[in-house]
Amino acid sequence: MATFLLRRLGLMVLTLWLLTLIVFFAGQILPGDPARATLGNLAAPSAVKALDHQLGVDRPLLDRYGSWLGGLLHGNLGTSYAYQSAVEPFIRAALINSIKLAALAFVIVVPLGILGGVIAALYSGRTLDRIISVTGLSLSTVPEFVSGIVLLVVFGVELKWLPVTASAGANASVGQQFRHLILPAIPLVFVLFGYIARMARAGTIDVLNSDYTRTAILKGLPRTTVIRRHVLRNSLLPTITVIATQTGYLIGGLVVVETLFNYQGLGNLIYKAAVAHDFPMLEAGVLI
């Protein structure tokens, strides 16, 4: 066990180091000059050169990587080019916002996806199974920006049932935050519902065909008892694993949704940093 844990720890450290290489050098090869982006197109070349020197952009690439990696090891994510202040407070605030949106999406889609998958498995090959499967597959193929725009127009602009922006304000209550976040959470539910439902359906069908399930049925146990005590407990383990793998996507990969609904989350922060050539903010956001 000790050897296994040490091997896994070594692989984790190696993976994180390779990730820092990819994140840093991918950020550096992006086109554009951060000093020019900060000062504007009409700035004098001498001013741009001076700001490049101040930001350290004119230093050798490996030297900058070494300084950046050393800062990371000491808990320093760097200094933003655009804001001229530490990156960490911006990342922390954006990460908290993204976790709120991801948590709401999870609370909605996980029960719905599992319930849909279990029902589809119980009626495998019948009409209800086909309806759930086709609906889930159809929803998962719709891009977030398409479903998000439709939801905005219908429920935000035409019906005016929900706010068109996701940000509720610093002093908003839990109810107000929920009302603002429900609209951007729905496109995420659409994307993940079919995936979770398919996994739950496949796991449930496997368990329903297992020997211990058939034995429980032959012993005369009620169908609901068999499903609750035997089927669900064993069939949902692969589904839970799949759900856990979506955490990174829901926290950091919501660039389109957060930008569309003007939500100050991690995905939106990464997008704005890329547009502004704010490489320390971009690299820290992607790494987190």
C-alpha atoms as a PDB file:
ATOM      1  CA  MET A   1       0.000   0.000   0.000  1.00  0.00           C
ATOM      2  CA  ALA A   2       2.851   2.409   0.833  1.00  0.00           C
ATOM      3  CA  THR A   3       4.461   1.738  -2.550  1.00  0.00           C
ATOM      4  CA  PHE A   4       1.144   2.287  -4.309  1.00  0.00           C
ATOM      5  CA  LEU A   5       0.538   5.595  -2.497  1.00  0.00           C
ATOM      6  CA  LEU A   6       4.054   6.826  -3.206  1.00  0.00           C
ATOM      7  CA  ARG A   7       3.678   5.934  -6.883  1.00  0.00           C
ATOM      8  CA  ARG A   8       0.350   7.755  -7.097  1.00  0.00           C
ATOM      9  CA  LEU A   9       1.809  10.775  -5.299  1.00  0.00           C
ATOM     10  CA  GLY A  10       4.742  10.851  -7.706  1.00  0.00           C
ATOM     11  CA  LEU A  11       2.421  10.675 -10.705  1.00  0.00           C
ATOM     12  CA  MET A  12       0.330  13.504  -9.239  1.00  0.00           C
ATOM     13  CA  VAL A  13       3.380  15.736  -8.805  1.00  0.00           C
ATOM     14  CA  LEU A  14       4.573  14.911 -12.337  1.00  0.00           C
ATOM     15  CA  THR A  15       1.125  15.644 -13.771  1.00  0.00           C
ATOM     16  CA  LEU A  16       0.911  18.997 -12.005  1.00  0.00           C
ATOM     17  CA  TRP A  17       4.411  19.941 -13.183  1.00  0.00           C
ATOM     18  CA  LEU A  18       3.566  19.059 -16.787  1.00  0.00           C
ATOM     19  CA  LEU A  19       0.369  21.060 -16.411  1.00  0.00           C
ATOM     20  CA  THR A  20       2.337  24.126 -15.284  1.00  0.00           C
ATOM     21  CA  LEU A  21       4.522  23.774 -18.394  1.00  0.00           C
ATOM     22  CA  ILE A  22       1.524  23.552 -20.707  1.00  0.00           C
ATOM     23  CA  VAL A  23      -0.367  26.386 -19.041  1.00  0.00           C
ATOM     24  CA  PHE A  24       2.609  28.757 -18.915  1.00  0.00           C
ATOM     25  CA  PHE A  25       3.999  28.238 -22.405  1.00  0.00           C
ATOM     26  CA  ALA A  26       0.542  28.133 -24.006  1.00  0.00           C
ATOM     27  CA  GLY A  27      -0.160  31.503 -22.394  1.00  0.00           C
ATOM     28  CA  GLN A  28       3.145  32.947 -23.601  1.00  0.00           C
ATOM     29  CA  ILE A  29       2.682  31.980 -27.259  1.00  0.00           C
ATOM     30  CA  LEU A  30      -0.692  33.707 -27.499  1.00  0.00           C
ATOM     31  CA  PRO A  31      -0.518  36.638 -29.936  1.00  0.00           C
ATOM     32  CA  GLY A  32      -0.552  40.170 -28.579  1.00  0.00           C
ATOM     33  CA  ASP A  33       1.510  42.411 -26.333  1.00  0.00           C
ATOM     34  CA  PRO A  34       0.174  42.878 -22.763  1.00  0.00           C
ATOM     35  CA  ALA A  35       1.712  46.356 -22.539  1.00  0.00           C
ATOM     36  CA  ARG A  36       0.092  47.402 -25.814  1.00  0.00           C
ATOM     37  CA  ALA A  37      -3.226  45.930 -24.664  1.00  0.00           C
ATOM     38  CA  THR A  38      -2.962  47.895 -21.406  1.00  0.00           C
ATOM     39  CA  LEU A  39      -1.876  51.246 -22.861  1.00  0.00           C
ATOM     40  CA  GLY A  40      -3.906  51.112 -26.079  1.00  0.00           C
ATOM     41  CA  ASN A  41      -3.007  51.244 -29.765  1.00  0.00           C
ATOM     42  CA  LEU A  42      -2.126  54.959 -29.664  1.00  0.00           C
ATOM     43  CA  ALA A  43       0.553  54.608 -26.959  1.00  0.00           C
ATOM     44  CA  ALA A  44       4.109  55.563 -27.861  1.00  0.00           C
ATOM     45  CA  PRO A  45       6.516  52.681 -28.540  1.00  0.00           C
ATOM     46  CA  SER A  46       8.809  53.946 -25.781  1.00  0.00           C
ATOM     47  CA  ALA A  47       5.951  53.749 -23.243  1.00  0.00           C
ATOM     48  CA  VAL A  48       5.061  50.252 -24.410  1.00  0.00           C
ATOM     49  CA  LYS A  49       8.687  49.165 -24.116  1.00  0.00           C
ATOM     50  CA  ALA A  50       8.963  50.647 -20.623  1.00  0.00           C
ATOM     51  CA  LEU A  51       5.814  48.869 -19.447  1.00  0.00           C
ATOM     52  CA  ASP A  52       7.022  45.587 -20.982  1.00  0.00           C
ATOM     53  CA  HIS A  53      10.209  45.965 -18.944  1.00  0.00           C
ATOM     54  CA  GLN A  54       8.218  46.788 -15.803  1.00  0.00           C
ATOM     55  CA  LEU A  55       6.009  43.726 -16.265  1.00  0.00           C
ATOM     56  CA  GLY A  56       9.040  41.548 -16.982  1.00  0.00           C
ATOM     57  CA  VAL A  57       7.736  40.505 -20.401  1.00  0.00           C
ATOM     58  CA  ASP A  58      11.127  41.219 -22.005  1.00  0.00           C
ATOM     59  CA  ARG A  59      12.897  38.688 -19.771  1.00  0.00           C
ATOM     60  CA  PRO A  60      13.946  35.269 -21.176  1.00  0.00           C
ATOM     61  CA  LEU A  61      11.103  32.755 -21.323  1.00  0.00           C
ATOM     62  CA  LEU A  62      12.729  30.150 -19.062  1.00  0.00           C
ATOM     63  CA  ASP A  63      13.592  32.842 -16.536  1.00  0.00           C
ATOM     64  CA  ARG A  64       9.946  33.938 -16.417  1.00  0.00           C
ATOM     65  CA  TYR A  65       8.777  30.324 -16.064  1.00  0.00           C
ATOM     66  CA  GLY A  66      11.180  29.737 -13.190  1.00  0.00           C
ATOM     67  CA  SER A  67       9.959  32.860 -11.376  1.00  0.00           C
ATOM     68  CA  TRP A  68       6.313  31.924 -11.985  1.00  0.00           C
ATOM     69  CA  LEU A  69       6.797  28.322 -10.813  1.00  0.00           C
ATOM     70  CA  GLY A  70       8.716  29.483  -7.749  1.00  0.00           C
ATOM     71  CA  GLY A  71       5.867  31.839  -6.891  1.00  0.00           C
ATOM     72  CA  LEU A  72       3.343  29.010  -7.252  1.00  0.00           C
ATOM     73  CA  LEU A  73       5.328  26.811  -4.870  1.00  0.00           C
ATOM     74  CA  HIS A  74       5.160  29.623  -2.318  1.00  0.00           C
ATOM     75  CA  GLY A  75       1.435  30.209  -2.853  1.00  0.00           C
ATOM     76  CA  ASN A  76       1.889  33.301  -5.031  1.00  0.00           C
ATOM     77  CA  LEU A  77      -0.222  33.175  -8.205  1.00  0.00           C
ATOM     78  CA  GLY A  78       1.373  36.302  -9.627  1.00  0.00           C
ATOM     79  CA  THR A  79       0.425  39.909 -10.293  1.00  0.00           C
ATOM     80  CA  SER A  80      -2.225  40.857 -12.833  1.00  0.00           C
ATOM     81  CA  TYR A  81      -1.028  42.939 -15.780  1.00  0.00           C
ATOM     82  CA  ALA A  82      -4.408  44.604 -16.169  1.00  0.00           C
ATOM     83  CA  TYR A  83      -5.142  45.410 -12.515  1.00  0.00           C
ATOM     84  CA  GLN A  84      -1.559  45.729 -11.213  1.00  0.00           C
ATOM     85  CA  SER A  85      -2.499  43.780  -8.111  1.00  0.00           C
ATOM     86  CA  ALA A  86      -2.305  40.212  -6.836  1.00  0.00           C
ATOM     87  CA  VAL A  87      -4.162  37.611  -8.895  1.00  0.00           C
ATOM     88  CA  GLU A  88      -5.240  35.511  -5.901  1.00  0.00           C
ATOM     89  CA  PRO A  89      -8.219  37.660  -4.690  1.00  0.00           C
ATOM     90  CA  PHE A  90      -9.730  37.715  -8.190  1.00  0.00           C
ATOM     91  CA  ILE A  91      -9.301  33.944  -8.585  1.00  0.00           C
ATOM     92  CA  ARG A  92     -10.784  33.270  -5.140  1.00  0.00           C
ATOM     93  CA  ALA A  93     -13.883  35.415  -5.737  1.00  0.00           C
ATOM     94  CA  ALA A  94     -14.458  33.956  -9.207  1.00  0.00           C
ATOM     95  CA  LEU A  95     -13.957  30.388  -7.955  1.00  0.00           C
ATOM     96  CA  ILE A  96     -16.557  30.873  -5.203  1.00  0.00           C
ATOM     97  CA  ASN A  97     -19.061  32.159  -7.765  1.00  0.00           C
ATOM     98  CA  SER A  98     -18.400  29.246 -10.117  1.00  0.00           C
ATOM     99  CA  ILE A  99     -18.818  26.756  -7.265  1.00  0.00           C
ATOM    100  CA  LYS A 100     -22.238  28.291  -6.503  1.00  0.00           C
ATOM    101  CA  LEU A 101     -23.367  27.841 -10.105  1.00  0.00           C
ATOM    102  CA  ALA A 102     -21.902  24.331 -10.314  1.00  0.00           C
ATOM    103  CA  ALA A 103     -23.556  23.329  -7.027  1.00  0.00           C
ATOM    104  CA  LEU A 104     -26.978  24.477  -8.233  1.00  0.00           C
ATOM    105  CA  ALA A 105     -26.542  22.608 -11.518  1.00  0.00           C
ATOM    106  CA  PHE A 106     -25.517  19.469  -9.597  1.00  0.00           C
ATOM    107  CA  VAL A 107     -28.488  19.716  -7.239  1.00  0.00           C
ATOM    108  CA  ILE A 108     -30.832  19.813 -10.237  1.00  0.00           C
ATOM    109  CA  VAL A 109     -29.237  17.437 -12.731  1.00  0.00           C
ATOM    110  CA  VAL A 110     -28.000  14.609 -10.476  1.00  0.00           C
ATOM    111  CA  PRO A 111     -31.417  13.550  -9.088  1.00  0.00           C
ATOM    112  CA  LEU A 112     -33.085  14.095 -12.471  1.00  0.00           C
ATOM    113  CA  GLY A 113     -30.399  12.167 -14.357  1.00  0.00           C
ATOM    114  CA  ILE A 114     -30.352   9.239 -11.932  1.00  0.00           C
ATOM    115  CA  LEU A 115     -34.143   9.072 -11.779  1.00  0.00           C
ATOM    116  CA  GLY A 116     -34.416   9.206 -15.562  1.00  0.00           C
ATOM    117  CA  GLY A 117     -31.782   6.505 -16.003  1.00  0.00           C
ATOM    118  CA  VAL A 118     -33.354   4.171 -13.451  1.00  0.00           C
ATOM    119  CA  ILE A 119     -36.833   4.579 -14.954  1.00  0.00           C
ATOM    120  CA  ALA A 120     -35.433   3.978 -18.450  1.00  0.00           C
ATOM    121  CA  ALA A 121     -33.720   0.795 -17.219  1.00  0.00           C
ATOM    122  CA  LEU A 122     -36.881  -0.480 -15.516  1.00  0.00           C
ATOM    123  CA  TYR A 123     -38.783   0.009 -18.784  1.00  0.00           C
ATOM    124  CA  SER A 124     -35.896  -1.028 -21.031  1.00  0.00           C
ATOM    125  CA  GLY A 125     -36.890  -1.413 -24.671  1.00  0.00           C
ATOM    126  CA  ARG A 126     -40.295   0.173 -24.152  1.00  0.00           C
ATOM    127  CA  THR A 127     -41.717   3.551 -25.080  1.00  0.00           C
ATOM    128  CA  LEU A 128     -40.762   5.311 -21.848  1.00  0.00           C
ATOM    129  CA  ASP A 129     -37.172   4.140 -22.199  1.00  0.00           C
ATOM    130  CA  ARG A 130     -36.992   5.476 -25.753  1.00  0.00           C
ATOM    131  CA  ILE A 131     -38.500   8.835 -24.750  1.00  0.00           C
ATOM    132  CA  ILE A 132     -36.001   9.353 -21.919  1.00  0.00           C
ATOM    133  CA  SER A 133     -33.032   8.184 -23.996  1.00  0.00           C
ATOM    134  CA  VAL A 134     -33.867  10.285 -27.047  1.00  0.00           C
ATOM    135  CA  THR A 135     -34.649  13.345 -24.922  1.00  0.00           C
ATOM    136  CA  GLY A 136     -31.373  13.062 -23.007  1.00  0.00           C
ATOM    137  CA  LEU A 137     -29.343  12.550 -26.175  1.00  0.00           C
ATOM    138  CA  SER A 138     -31.055  15.461 -27.915  1.00  0.00           C
ATOM    139  CA  LEU A 139     -30.500  17.850 -24.993  1.00  0.00           C
ATOM    140  CA  SER A 140     -26.831  16.896 -24.640  1.00  0.00           C
ATOM    141  CA  THR A 141     -26.140  17.776 -28.291  1.00  0.00           C
ATOM    142  CA  VAL A 142     -27.469  21.337 -27.962  1.00  0.00           C
ATOM    143  CA  PRO A 143     -24.566  23.767 -27.272  1.00  0.00           C
ATOM    144  CA  GLU A 144     -24.859  25.875 -24.130  1.00  0.00           C
ATOM    145  CA  PHE A 145     -24.853  29.148 -26.037  1.00  0.00           C
ATOM    146  CA  VAL A 146     -27.841  28.013 -28.131  1.00  0.00           C
ATOM    147  CA  SER A 147     -29.993  26.829 -25.224  1.00  0.00           C
ATOM    148  CA  GLY A 148     -28.805  29.784 -23.129  1.00  0.00           C
ATOM    149  CA  ILE A 149     -29.885  32.334 -25.733  1.00  0.00           C
ATOM    150  CA  VAL A 150     -33.267  30.630 -26.164  1.00  0.00           C
ATOM    151  CA  LEU A 151     -33.823  30.617 -22.399  1.00  0.00           C
ATOM    152  CA  LEU A 152     -32.782  34.265 -22.160  1.00  0.00           C
ATOM    153  CA  VAL A 153     -35.162  35.356 -24.883  1.00  0.00           C
ATOM    154  CA  VAL A 154     -38.119  33.285 -23.695  1.00  0.00           C
ATOM    155  CA  PHE A 155     -37.935  33.484 -19.896  1.00  0.00           C
ATOM    156  CA  GLY A 156     -35.887  36.642 -19.454  1.00  0.00           C
ATOM    157  CA  VAL A 157     -36.973  39.008 -22.215  1.00  0.00           C
ATOM    158  CA  GLU A 158     -40.428  37.866 -23.356  1.00  0.00           C
ATOM    159  CA  LEU A 159     -42.014  36.383 -20.223  1.00  0.00           C
ATOM    160  CA  LYS A 160     -39.813  38.320 -17.747  1.00  0.00           C
ATOM    161  CA  TRP A 161     -40.045  35.471 -15.245  1.00  0.00           C
ATOM    162  CA  LEU A 162     -36.317  35.406 -14.448  1.00  0.00           C
ATOM    163  CA  PRO A 163     -33.436  37.923 -14.470  1.00  0.00           C
ATOM    164  CA  VAL A 164     -31.307  38.060 -17.617  1.00  0.00           C
ATOM    165  CA  THR A 165     -28.056  38.334 -15.616  1.00  0.00           C
ATOM    166  CA  ALA A 166     -26.679  35.775 -13.193  1.00  0.00           C
ATOM    167  CA  SER A 167     -25.105  38.228 -10.740  1.00  0.00           C
ATOM    168  CA  ALA A 168     -27.454  39.089  -7.883  1.00  0.00           C
ATOM    169  CA  GLY A 169     -25.212  41.532  -6.020  1.00  0.00           C
ATOM    170  CA  ALA A 170     -22.995  41.275  -2.967  1.00  0.00           C
ATOM    171  CA  ASN A 171     -25.770  41.592  -0.364  1.00  0.00           C
ATOM    172  CA  ALA A 172     -28.368  39.416  -2.109  1.00  0.00           C
ATOM    173  CA  SER A 173     -30.201  36.780  -0.100  1.00  0.00           C
ATOM    174  CA  VAL A 174     -30.037  33.082  -0.857  1.00  0.00           C
ATOM    175  CA  GLY A 175     -33.429  33.259  -2.583  1.00  0.00           C
ATOM    176  CA  GLN A 176     -32.315  36.141  -4.793  1.00  0.00           C
ATOM    177  CA  GLN A 177     -29.098  34.344  -5.725  1.00  0.00           C
ATOM    178  CA  PHE A 178     -31.068  31.221  -6.594  1.00  0.00           C
ATOM    179  CA  ARG A 179     -33.433  33.249  -8.798  1.00  0.00           C
ATOM    180  CA  HIS A 180     -30.511  34.755 -10.697  1.00  0.00           C
ATOM    181  CA  LEU A 181     -28.622  31.455 -11.070  1.00  0.00           C
ATOM    182  CA  ILE A 182     -31.472  29.193 -12.160  1.00  0.00           C
ATOM    183  CA  LEU A 183     -31.449  30.405 -15.772  1.00  0.00           C
ATOM    184  CA  PRO A 184     -27.701  29.853 -16.417  1.00  0.00           C
ATOM    185  CA  ALA A 185     -27.880  26.504 -14.593  1.00  0.00           C
ATOM    186  CA  ILE A 186     -30.481  25.069 -16.975  1.00  0.00           C
ATOM    187  CA  PRO A 187     -28.142  24.837 -20.037  1.00  0.00           C
ATOM    188  CA  LEU A 188     -25.718  22.861 -17.878  1.00  0.00           C
ATOM    189  CA  VAL A 189     -28.554  20.562 -16.824  1.00  0.00           C
ATOM    190  CA  PHE A 190     -29.394  20.000 -20.497  1.00  0.00           C
ATOM    191  CA  VAL A 191     -25.806  19.030 -21.333  1.00  0.00           C
ATOM    192  CA  LEU A 192     -25.268  16.662 -18.389  1.00  0.00           C
ATOM    193  CA  PHE A 193     -28.719  15.068 -18.082  1.00  0.00           C
ATOM    194  CA  GLY A 194     -28.314  12.680 -21.009  1.00  0.00           C
ATOM    195  CA  TYR A 195     -24.806  11.651 -19.938  1.00  0.00           C
ATOM    196  CA  ILE A 196     -25.782  10.874 -16.335  1.00  0.00           C
ATOM    197  CA  ALA A 197     -29.043   9.195 -17.364  1.00  0.00           C
ATOM    198  CA  ARG A 198     -27.252   6.883 -19.815  1.00  0.00           C
ATOM    199  CA  MET A 199     -24.727   5.831 -17.182  1.00  0.00           C
ATOM    200  CA  ALA A 200     -27.464   5.243 -14.582  1.00  0.00           C
ATOM    201  CA  ARG A 201     -29.498   3.262 -17.116  1.00  0.00           C
ATOM    202  CA  ALA A 202     -26.565   1.021 -18.098  1.00  0.00           C
ATOM    203  CA  GLY A 203     -25.592   0.376 -14.470  1.00  0.00           C
ATOM    204  CA  THR A 204     -29.157  -0.394 -13.458  1.00  0.00           C
ATOM    205  CA  ILE A 205     -29.671  -2.835 -16.332  1.00  0.00           C
ATOM    206  CA  ASP A 206     -26.455  -4.674 -15.386  1.00  0.00           C
ATOM    207  CA  VAL A 207     -27.554  -5.020 -11.764  1.00  0.00           C
ATOM    208  CA  LEU A 208     -31.101  -6.056 -12.724  1.00  0.00           C
ATOM    209  CA  ASN A 209     -29.600  -8.935 -14.748  1.00  0.00           C
ATOM    210  CA  SER A 210     -27.269 -10.037 -11.939  1.00  0.00           C
ATOM    211  CA  ASP A 211     -27.683 -13.264  -9.977  1.00  0.00           C
ATOM    212  CA  TYR A 212     -28.233 -11.641  -6.575  1.00  0.00           C
ATOM    213  CA  THR A 213     -31.049  -9.474  -7.943  1.00  0.00           C
ATOM    214  CA  ARG A 214     -32.800 -12.479  -9.451  1.00  0.00           C
ATOM    215  CA  THR A 215     -32.325 -14.333  -6.166  1.00  0.00           C
ATOM    216  CA  ALA A 216     -33.907 -11.479  -4.221  1.00  0.00           C
ATOM    217  CA  ILE A 217     -36.892 -11.499  -6.583  1.00  0.00           C
ATOM    218  CA  LEU A 218     -37.266 -15.278  -6.318  1.00  0.00           C
ATOM    219  CA  LYS A 219     -37.237 -14.992  -2.513  1.00  0.00           C
ATOM    220  CA  GLY A 220     -40.440 -12.965  -2.847  1.00  0.00           C
ATOM    221  CA  LEU A 221     -39.112  -9.526  -1.879  1.00  0.00           C
ATOM    222  CA  PRO A 222     -41.308  -6.650  -3.103  1.00  0.00           C
ATOM    223  CA  ARG A 223     -40.068  -4.984  -6.299  1.00  0.00           C
ATOM    224  CA  THR A 224     -39.587  -1.612  -4.577  1.00  0.00           C
ATOM    225  CA  THR A 225     -37.477  -3.235  -1.849  1.00  0.00           C
ATOM    226  CA  VAL A 226     -35.310  -5.013  -4.416  1.00  0.00           C
ATOM    227  CA  ILE A 227     -34.731  -1.760  -6.308  1.00  0.00           C
ATOM    228  CA  ARG A 228     -34.015   0.298  -3.207  1.00  0.00           C
ATOM    229  CA  ARG A 229     -31.811  -2.154  -1.286  1.00  0.00           C
ATOM    230  CA  HIS A 230     -30.086  -4.103  -4.045  1.00  0.00           C
ATOM    231  CA  VAL A 231     -30.298  -2.321  -7.391  1.00  0.00           C
ATOM    232  CA  LEU A 232     -29.670   1.324  -6.541  1.00  0.00           C
ATOM    233  CA  ARG A 233     -26.857   0.690  -4.069  1.00  0.00           C
ATOM    234  CA  ASN A 234     -24.820  -1.234  -6.645  1.00  0.00           C
ATOM    235  CA  SER A 235     -25.838   0.379  -9.912  1.00  0.00           C
ATOM    236  CA  LEU A 236     -25.074   3.982  -8.938  1.00  0.00           C
ATOM    237  CA  LEU A 237     -21.383   3.546  -8.089  1.00  0.00           C
ATOM    238  CA  PRO A 238     -20.192   3.998 -11.729  1.00  0.00           C
ATOM    239  CA  THR A 239     -22.644   6.880 -12.130  1.00  0.00           C
ATOM    240  CA  ILE A 240     -21.262   8.665  -9.066  1.00  0.00           C
ATOM    241  CA  THR A 241     -17.756   8.291 -10.474  1.00  0.00           C
ATOM    242  CA  VAL A 242     -18.862   9.856 -13.761  1.00  0.00           C
ATOM    243  CA  ILE A 243     -20.579  12.697 -11.918  1.00  0.00           C
ATOM    244  CA  ALA A 244     -17.367  13.447 -10.015  1.00  0.00           C
ATOM    245  CA  THR A 245     -15.414  13.763 -13.260  1.00  0.00           C
ATOM    246  CA  GLN A 246     -17.746  16.582 -14.371  1.00  0.00           C
ATOM    247  CA  THR A 247     -16.758  18.785 -11.428  1.00  0.00           C
ATOM    248  CA  GLY A 248     -13.831  20.386 -13.237  1.00  0.00           C
ATOM    249  CA  TYR A 249     -15.987  21.195 -16.247  1.00  0.00           C
ATOM    250  CA  LEU A 250     -18.732  22.760 -14.128  1.00  0.00           C
ATOM    251  CA  ILE A 251     -16.297  24.914 -12.124  1.00  0.00           C
ATOM    252  CA  GLY A 252     -13.794  26.073 -14.727  1.00  0.00           C
ATOM    253  CA  GLY A 253     -15.214  25.265 -18.137  1.00  0.00           C
ATOM    254  CA  LEU A 254     -18.304  27.473 -18.167  1.00  0.00           C
ATOM    255  CA  VAL A 255     -16.800  30.238 -20.301  1.00  0.00           C
ATOM    256  CA  VAL A 256     -19.770  30.465 -22.669  1.00  0.00           C
ATOM    257  CA  VAL A 257     -22.476  30.297 -19.994  1.00  0.00           C
ATOM    258  CA  GLU A 258     -20.796  32.753 -17.626  1.00  0.00           C
ATOM    259  CA  THR A 259     -20.049  35.211 -20.426  1.00  0.00           C
ATOM    260  CA  LEU A 260     -23.549  34.952 -21.858  1.00  0.00           C
ATOM    261  CA  PHE A 261     -25.205  35.625 -18.496  1.00  0.00           C
ATOM    262  CA  ASN A 262     -22.554  38.151 -17.371  1.00  0.00           C
ATOM    263  CA  TYR A 263     -21.611  36.008 -14.386  1.00  0.00           C
ATOM    264  CA  GLN A 264     -18.323  36.764 -12.635  1.00  0.00           C
ATOM    265  CA  GLY A 265     -17.103  33.193 -12.423  1.00  0.00           C
ATOM    266  CA  LEU A 266     -13.813  31.491 -13.198  1.00  0.00           C
ATOM    267  CA  GLY A 267     -14.661  30.788 -16.834  1.00  0.00           C
ATOM    268  CA  ASN A 268     -15.590  34.421 -17.484  1.00  0.00           C
ATOM    269  CA  LEU A 269     -12.438  35.581 -15.690  1.00  0.00           C
ATOM    270  CA  ILE A 270     -10.283  33.347 -17.912  1.00  0.00           C
ATOM    271  CA  TYR A 271     -12.006  34.679 -21.023  1.00  0.00           C
ATOM    272  CA  LYS A 272     -11.493  38.331 -20.029  1.00  0.00           C
ATOM    273  CA  ALA A 273      -7.861  37.653 -19.129  1.00  0.00           C
ATOM    274  CA  ALA A 274      -7.263  36.115 -22.561  1.00  0.00           C
ATOM    275  CA  VAL A 275      -8.837  39.108 -24.316  1.00  0.00           C
ATOM    276  CA  ALA A 276      -6.764  41.568 -22.247  1.00  0.00           C
ATOM    277  CA  HIS A 277      -3.532  39.525 -22.659  1.00  0.00           C
ATOM    278  CA  ASP A 278      -3.361  39.348 -18.869  1.00  0.00           C
ATOM    279  CA  PHE A 279      -1.140  36.273 -18.825  1.00  0.00           C
ATOM    280  CA  PRO A 280      -0.707  35.869 -15.031  1.00  0.00           C
ATOM    281  CA  MET A 281      -4.483  35.939 -14.554  1.00  0.00           C
ATOM    282  CA  LEU A 282      -5.035  33.596 -17.501  1.00  0.00           C
ATOM    283  CA  GLU A 283      -2.393  31.091 -16.400  1.00  0.00           C
ATOM    284  CA  ALA A 284      -3.547  31.070 -12.776  1.00  0.00           C
ATOM    285  CA  GLY A 285      -7.201  30.657 -13.760  1.00  0.00           C
ATOM    286  CA  VAL A 286      -6.518  27.770 -16.130  1.00  0.00           C
ATOM    287  CA  LEU A 287      -4.214  26.075 -13.626  1.00  0.00           C
ATOM    288  CA  ILE A 288      -6.808  26.294 -10.843  1.00  0.00           C
END
